[in-house]
C-alpha atoms as a PDB file:
ATOM      1  CA  UNK A   1       0.000   0.000   0.000  1.00  0.00           C
ATOM      2  CA  UNK A   2       1.329   3.362  -0.939  1.00  0.00           C
ATOM      3  CA  UNK A   3       1.740   6.170   1.551  1.00  0.00           C
ATOM      4  CA  UNK A   4      -1.228   8.501   1.945  1.00  0.00           C
ATOM      5  CA  UNK A   5       0.989  11.538   2.659  1.00  0.00           C
ATOM      6  CA  UNK A   6       3.592  12.191  -0.044  1.00  0.00           C
ATOM      7  CA  UNK A   7       5.864  14.995  -1.158  1.00  0.00           C
ATOM      8  CA  UNK A   8       7.294  14.869  -4.671  1.00  0.00           C
ATOM      9  CA  UNK A   9       6.195  11.224  -4.928  1.00  0.00           C
ATOM     10  CA  UNK A  10       7.893  10.088  -1.697  1.00  0.00           C
ATOM     11  CA  UNK A  11       6.316   9.250   1.675  1.00  0.00           C
ATOM     12  CA  UNK A  12       6.634  12.156   4.153  1.00  0.00           C
ATOM     13  CA  UNK A  13       6.859  10.143   7.401  1.00  0.00           C
ATOM     14  CA  UNK A  14      10.261   8.545   6.623  1.00  0.00           C
ATOM     15  CA  UNK A  15      11.546  11.952   5.505  1.00  0.00           C
ATOM     16  CA  UNK A  16      10.617  13.565   8.807  1.00  0.00           C
ATOM     17  CA  UNK A  17      11.785  10.913  11.269  1.00  0.00           C
ATOM     18  CA  UNK A  18      15.445  11.643  10.539  1.00  0.00           C
ATOM     19  CA  UNK A  19      15.198  14.935  12.436  1.00  0.00           C
ATOM     20  CA  UNK A  20      13.799  13.787  15.785  1.00  0.00           C
ATOM     21  CA  UNK A  21      15.876  10.617  15.697  1.00  0.00           C
ATOM     22  CA  UNK A  22      19.073  12.587  15.148  1.00  0.00           C
ATOM     23  CA  UNK A  23      18.248  15.353  17.619  1.00  0.00           C
ATOM     24  CA  UNK A  24      17.102  13.061  20.431  1.00  0.00           C
ATOM     25  CA  UNK A  25      19.967  10.602  19.952  1.00  0.00           C
ATOM     26  CA  UNK A  26      22.495  13.430  19.974  1.00  0.00           C
ATOM     27  CA  UNK A  27      20.983  14.722  23.231  1.00  0.00           C
ATOM     28  CA  UNK A  28      21.716  11.335  24.834  1.00  0.00           C
ATOM     29  CA  UNK A  29      25.279  11.413  23.504  1.00  0.00           C
ATOM     30  CA  UNK A  30      25.679  14.900  25.000  1.00  0.00           C
ATOM     31  CA  UNK A  31      24.337  13.648  28.339  1.00  0.00           C
ATOM     32  CA  UNK A  32      26.924  10.870  28.299  1.00  0.00           C
ATOM     33  CA  UNK A  33      29.686  13.368  27.505  1.00  0.00           C
ATOM     34  CA  UNK A  34      28.444  15.484  30.436  1.00  0.00           C
ATOM     35  CA  UNK A  35      28.561  12.461  32.754  1.00  0.00           C
ATOM     36  CA  UNK A  36      32.158  11.778  31.677  1.00  0.00           C
ATOM     37  CA  UNK A  37      33.470  15.365  31.673  1.00  0.00           C
ATOM     38  CA  UNK A  38      31.213  17.207  34.116  1.00  0.00           C
ATOM     39  CA  UNK A  39      31.024  20.091  31.617  1.00  0.00           C
ATOM     40  CA  UNK A  40      27.499  21.574  31.923  1.00  0.00           C
ATOM     41  CA  UNK A  41      27.497  22.983  28.394  1.00  0.00           C
ATOM     42  CA  UNK A  42      26.693  19.477  27.150  1.00  0.00           C
ATOM     43  CA  UNK A  43      23.520  19.203  29.230  1.00  0.00           C
ATOM     44  CA  UNK A  44      22.456  22.695  28.231  1.00  0.00           C
ATOM     45  CA  UNK A  45      22.745  21.707  24.570  1.00  0.00           C
ATOM     46  CA  UNK A  46      20.931  18.428  25.277  1.00  0.00           C
ATOM     47  CA  UNK A  47      18.020  20.417  26.726  1.00  0.00           C
ATOM     48  CA  UNK A  48      17.547  22.354  23.487  1.00  0.00           C
ATOM     49  CA  UNK A  49      18.064  19.275  21.308  1.00  0.00           C
ATOM     50  CA  UNK A  50      15.343  17.435  23.225  1.00  0.00           C
ATOM     51  CA  UNK A  51      12.923  20.340  22.774  1.00  0.00           C
ATOM     52  CA  UNK A  52      13.547  20.436  19.030  1.00  0.00           C
ATOM     53  CA  UNK A  53      13.456  16.629  18.778  1.00  0.00           C
ATOM     54  CA  UNK A  54      10.067  16.382  20.491  1.00  0.00           C
ATOM     55  CA  UNK A  55       8.609  18.981  18.118  1.00  0.00           C
ATOM     56  CA  UNK A  56      10.080  17.040  15.170  1.00  0.00           C
ATOM     57  CA  UNK A  57       8.695  13.776  16.556  1.00  0.00           C
ATOM     58  CA  UNK A  58       5.203  15.203  16.758  1.00  0.00           C
ATOM     59  CA  UNK A  59       5.520  16.504  13.191  1.00  0.00           C
ATOM     60  CA  UNK A  60       6.653  13.051  11.980  1.00  0.00           C
ATOM     61  CA  UNK A  61       3.869  11.293  13.894  1.00  0.00           C
ATOM     62  CA  UNK A  62       1.050  12.984  11.982  1.00  0.00           C
ATOM     63  CA  UNK A  63       1.787  11.507   8.515  1.00  0.00           C
ATOM     64  CA  UNK A  64       2.838   8.242  10.189  1.00  0.00           C
ATOM     65  CA  UNK A  65      -0.544   7.968  11.865  1.00  0.00           C
ATOM     66  CA  UNK A  66      -2.318   8.797   8.582  1.00  0.00           C
ATOM     67  CA  UNK A  67      -0.388   6.047   6.788  1.00  0.00           C
ATOM     68  CA  UNK A  68      -1.093   3.541   9.591  1.00  0.00           C
ATOM     69  CA  UNK A  69      -4.824   4.355   9.520  1.00  0.00           C
ATOM     70  CA  UNK A  70      -4.892   3.350   5.838  1.00  0.00           C
ATOM     71  CA  UNK A  71      -3.362  -0.117   6.426  1.00  0.00           C
ATOM     72  CA  UNK A  72      -6.031  -2.821   6.124  1.00  0.00           C
ATOM     73  CA  UNK A  73      -7.096  -4.282   9.469  1.00  0.00           C
ATOM     74  CA  UNK A  74      -6.201  -7.837  10.438  1.00  0.00           C
ATOM     75  CA  UNK A  75      -2.813  -7.695   8.711  1.00  0.00           C
ATOM     76  CA  UNK A  76       0.615  -8.153  10.249  1.00  0.00           C
ATOM     77  CA  UNK A  77       1.465  -4.675   8.969  1.00  0.00           C
ATOM     78  CA  UNK A  78      -1.367  -3.162  11.006  1.00  0.00           C
ATOM     79  CA  UNK A  79      -0.142  -4.916  14.174  1.00  0.00           C
ATOM     80  CA  UNK A  80       3.519  -3.997  13.618  1.00  0.00           C
ATOM     81  CA  UNK A  81       2.505  -0.418  12.847  1.00  0.00           C
ATOM     82  CA  UNK A  82       0.490  -0.212  16.055  1.00  0.00           C
ATOM     83  CA  UNK A  83       3.421  -1.371  18.197  1.00  0.00           C
ATOM     84  CA  UNK A  84       5.746   0.983  16.274  1.00  0.00           C
ATOM     85  CA  UNK A  85       3.438   3.956  16.831  1.00  0.00           C
ATOM     86  CA  UNK A  86       2.586   3.269  20.480  1.00  0.00           C
ATOM     87  CA  UNK A  87       6.262   2.645  21.203  1.00  0.00           C
ATOM     88  CA  UNK A  88       7.180   5.975  19.674  1.00  0.00           C
ATOM     89  CA  UNK A  89       4.494   7.758  21.711  1.00  0.00           C
ATOM     90  CA  UNK A  90       6.177   6.268  24.796  1.00  0.00           C
ATOM     91  CA  UNK A  91       9.560   7.450  23.499  1.00  0.00           C
ATOM     92  CA  UNK A  92       8.240  10.987  23.027  1.00  0.00           C
ATOM     93  CA  UNK A  93       6.656  10.923  26.495  1.00  0.00           C
ATOM     94  CA  UNK A  94       9.996   9.923  28.039  1.00  0.00           C
ATOM     95  CA  UNK A  95      11.795  12.742  26.239  1.00  0.00           C
ATOM     96  CA  UNK A  96       9.090  15.252  27.242  1.00  0.00           C
ATOM     97  CA  UNK A  97       9.548  14.093  30.840  1.00  0.00           C
ATOM     98  CA  UNK A  98      13.309  14.517  30.488  1.00  0.00           C
ATOM     99  CA  UNK A  99      12.845  18.020  29.069  1.00  0.00           C
ATOM    100  CA  UNK A 100      10.423  19.037  31.840  1.00  0.00           C
ATOM    101  CA  UNK A 101      12.764  17.748  34.549  1.00  0.00           C
ATOM    102  CA  UNK A 102      15.639  19.744  33.017  1.00  0.00           C
ATOM    103  CA  UNK A 103      13.614  22.916  32.573  1.00  0.00           C
ATOM    104  CA  UNK A 104      14.282  24.520  35.994  1.00  0.00           C
ATOM    105  CA  UNK A 105      18.066  24.271  35.442  1.00  0.00           C
ATOM    106  CA  UNK A 106      19.247  22.826  32.092  1.00  0.00           C
ATOM    107  CA  UNK A 107      22.863  22.979  33.286  1.00  0.00           C
ATOM    108  CA  UNK A 108      22.205  20.651  36.228  1.00  0.00           C
ATOM    109  CA  UNK A 109      19.582  18.086  35.225  1.00  0.00           C
ATOM    110  CA  UNK A 110      18.419  15.625  37.863  1.00  0.00           C
ATOM    111  CA  UNK A 111      19.372  11.996  37.389  1.00  0.00           C
ATOM    112  CA  UNK A 112      15.775  11.173  36.401  1.00  0.00           C
ATOM    113  CA  UNK A 113      16.035  13.470  33.373  1.00  0.00           C
ATOM    114  CA  UNK A 114      19.069  11.629  32.046  1.00  0.00           C
ATOM    115  CA  UNK A 115      17.548   8.220  32.823  1.00  0.00           C
ATOM    116  CA  UNK A 116      14.317   9.137  30.977  1.00  0.00           C
ATOM    117  CA  UNK A 117      16.294  10.204  27.898  1.00  0.00           C
ATOM    118  CA  UNK A 118      18.384   7.014  28.006  1.00  0.00           C
ATOM    119  CA  UNK A 119      15.220   4.895  28.305  1.00  0.00           C
ATOM    120  CA  UNK A 120      13.721   6.683  25.296  1.00  0.00           C
ATOM    121  CA  UNK A 121      16.931   6.060  23.360  1.00  0.00           C
ATOM    122  CA  UNK A 122      16.828   2.317  24.139  1.00  0.00           C
ATOM    123  CA  UNK A 123      13.148   1.974  23.191  1.00  0.00           C
ATOM    124  CA  UNK A 124      13.582   3.889  19.930  1.00  0.00           C
ATOM    125  CA  UNK A 125      16.075   1.256  18.785  1.00  0.00           C
ATOM    126  CA  UNK A 126      13.237  -1.276  18.820  1.00  0.00           C
ATOM    127  CA  UNK A 127      10.588   1.025  17.363  1.00  0.00           C
ATOM    128  CA  UNK A 128      13.012   2.061  14.634  1.00  0.00           C
ATOM    129  CA  UNK A 129      13.557  -1.595  13.752  1.00  0.00           C
ATOM    130  CA  UNK A 130       9.781  -2.028  13.533  1.00  0.00           C
ATOM    131  CA  UNK A 131       9.588   0.997  11.216  1.00  0.00           C
ATOM    132  CA  UNK A 132      12.212  -0.637   9.031  1.00  0.00           C
ATOM    133  CA  UNK A 133      10.197  -3.846   9.068  1.00  0.00           C
ATOM    134  CA  UNK A 134       7.143  -1.922   7.865  1.00  0.00           C
ATOM    135  CA  UNK A 135       8.969  -0.255   4.987  1.00  0.00           C
ATOM    136  CA  UNK A 136      11.576  -2.785   3.907  1.00  0.00           C
ATOM    137  CA  UNK A 137       9.847  -6.079   4.641  1.00  0.00           C
ATOM    138  CA  UNK A 138       6.147  -5.291   4.384  1.00  0.00           C
ATOM    139  CA  UNK A 139       6.529  -2.475   1.779  1.00  0.00           C
ATOM    140  CA  UNK A 140       4.122  -0.207   3.658  1.00  0.00           C
ATOM    141  CA  UNK A 141       4.243   3.267   2.166  1.00  0.00           C
ATOM    142  CA  UNK A 142       6.307   2.019  -0.755  1.00  0.00           C
ATOM    143  CA  UNK A 143       4.242  -0.054  -3.143  1.00  0.00           C
ATOM    144  CA  UNK A 144       0.562  -0.610  -3.763  1.00  0.00           C
ATOM    145  CA  UNK A 145       1.350  -4.349  -4.100  1.00  0.00           C
ATOM    146  CA  UNK A 146       2.793  -4.536  -0.582  1.00  0.00           C
ATOM    147  CA  UNK A 147       3.008  -7.818   1.314  1.00  0.00           C
ATOM    148  CA  UNK A 148       1.087  -6.731   4.397  1.00  0.00           C
ATOM    149  CA  UNK A 149       1.287 -10.201   5.953  1.00  0.00           C
ATOM    150  CA  UNK A 150       4.908 -11.075   5.139  1.00  0.00           C
ATOM    151  CA  UNK A 151       6.649 -13.035   7.903  1.00  0.00           C
ATOM    152  CA  UNK A 152       9.194 -11.277  10.122  1.00  0.00           C
ATOM    153  CA  UNK A 153      12.531 -10.468   8.555  1.00  0.00           C
ATOM    154  CA  UNK A 154      14.049 -12.401  11.474  1.00  0.00           C
ATOM    155  CA  UNK A 155      12.593 -15.586   9.958  1.00  0.00           C
ATOM    156  CA  UNK A 156      14.291 -17.353   7.086  1.00  0.00           C
ATOM    157  CA  UNK A 157      11.128 -17.064   4.983  1.00  0.00           C
ATOM    158  CA  UNK A 158      10.911 -14.794   1.933  1.00  0.00           C
ATOM    159  CA  UNK A 159       8.472 -11.876   2.047  1.00  0.00           C
ATOM    160  CA  UNK A 160       6.042 -13.680  -0.279  1.00  0.00           C
ATOM    161  CA  UNK A 161       6.031 -16.889   1.777  1.00  0.00           C
ATOM    162  CA  UNK A 162       2.477 -16.331   2.991  1.00  0.00           C
ATOM    163  CA  UNK A 163      -0.499 -14.217   2.121  1.00  0.00           C
ATOM    164  CA  UNK A 164      -3.966 -13.707   3.583  1.00  0.00           C
ATOM    165  CA  UNK A 165      -6.796 -15.316   1.655  1.00  0.00           C
ATOM    166  CA  UNK A 166     -10.220 -14.945   3.273  1.00  0.00           C
ATOM    167  CA  UNK A 167      -8.647 -14.973   6.736  1.00  0.00           C
ATOM    168  CA  UNK A 168      -6.482 -18.057   6.110  1.00  0.00           C
ATOM    169  CA  UNK A 169      -2.720 -18.064   5.718  1.00  0.00           C
ATOM    170  CA  UNK A 170      -1.742 -19.866   2.521  1.00  0.00           C
ATOM    171  CA  UNK A 171       1.256 -20.130   0.281  1.00  0.00           C
ATOM    172  CA  UNK A 172       1.532 -17.308  -2.227  1.00  0.00           C
ATOM    173  CA  UNK A 173       2.618 -17.425  -5.835  1.00  0.00           C
ATOM    174  CA  UNK A 174       2.998 -13.643  -5.934  1.00  0.00           C
ATOM    175  CA  UNK A 175       6.615 -12.508  -6.386  1.00  0.00           C
ATOM    176  CA  UNK A 176       8.268 -10.715  -3.446  1.00  0.00           C
ATOM    177  CA  UNK A 177       8.088  -7.478  -5.429  1.00  0.00           C
ATOM    178  CA  UNK A 178       4.910  -6.935  -7.376  1.00  0.00           C
ATOM    179  CA  UNK A 179       5.676  -3.460  -8.614  1.00  0.00           C
ATOM    180  CA  UNK A 180       5.957  -2.522 -12.261  1.00  0.00           C
ATOM    181  CA  UNK A 181       4.944  -5.988 -13.451  1.00  0.00           C
ATOM    182  CA  UNK A 182       1.601  -5.718 -11.644  1.00  0.00           C
ATOM    183  CA  UNK A 183       1.016  -2.157 -12.800  1.00  0.00           C
ATOM    184  CA  UNK A 184       1.803  -3.040 -16.395  1.00  0.00           C
ATOM    185  CA  UNK A 185      -0.624  -5.952 -16.268  1.00  0.00           C
ATOM    186  CA  UNK A 186       1.948  -8.590 -17.111  1.00  0.00           C
ATOM    187  CA  UNK A 187       5.642  -9.352 -17.346  1.00  0.00           C
ATOM    188  CA  UNK A 188       8.178  -6.696 -18.079  1.00  0.00           C
ATOM    189  CA  UNK A 189      11.272  -7.797 -19.899  1.00  0.00           C
END
């Protein structure tokens, strides 16, 4: 299924996630540098990076939610997308908590602020993997002929190993990529 929110033919959600991911991850790196050096400039910068990253995360969530809402129900893609989205809401909540705890004195954040940011960083590794699973394995947002019930990329099965037919899982004869061939109505040589 193709993305519902596009810019110049490309899905917007994957374009936007680079900003919050980079900003929030860099804030954690700066916190670690602060813990090693004791230099408060690093935590001050982390405070501003978290603020910008949360705003970017909210901006990326809107087209992500719109794309998820368009995924057919009862598919693996819908379930993976739900866990991806809920996980990222938790990540944003942890970073908002970190930002609020730092707000009284960004140069001297309480331990809880750094722990919340680190927890968000750990969780986003998993939610990011799920986002990759949606795009690269299930082709959500990429192709109208997506395999919305492809098995996990952690399995040894190819993406076209199974498909949903009237609620049953059966073997599929559809190729792993059903792009231009499907659109052209036959084989392309």
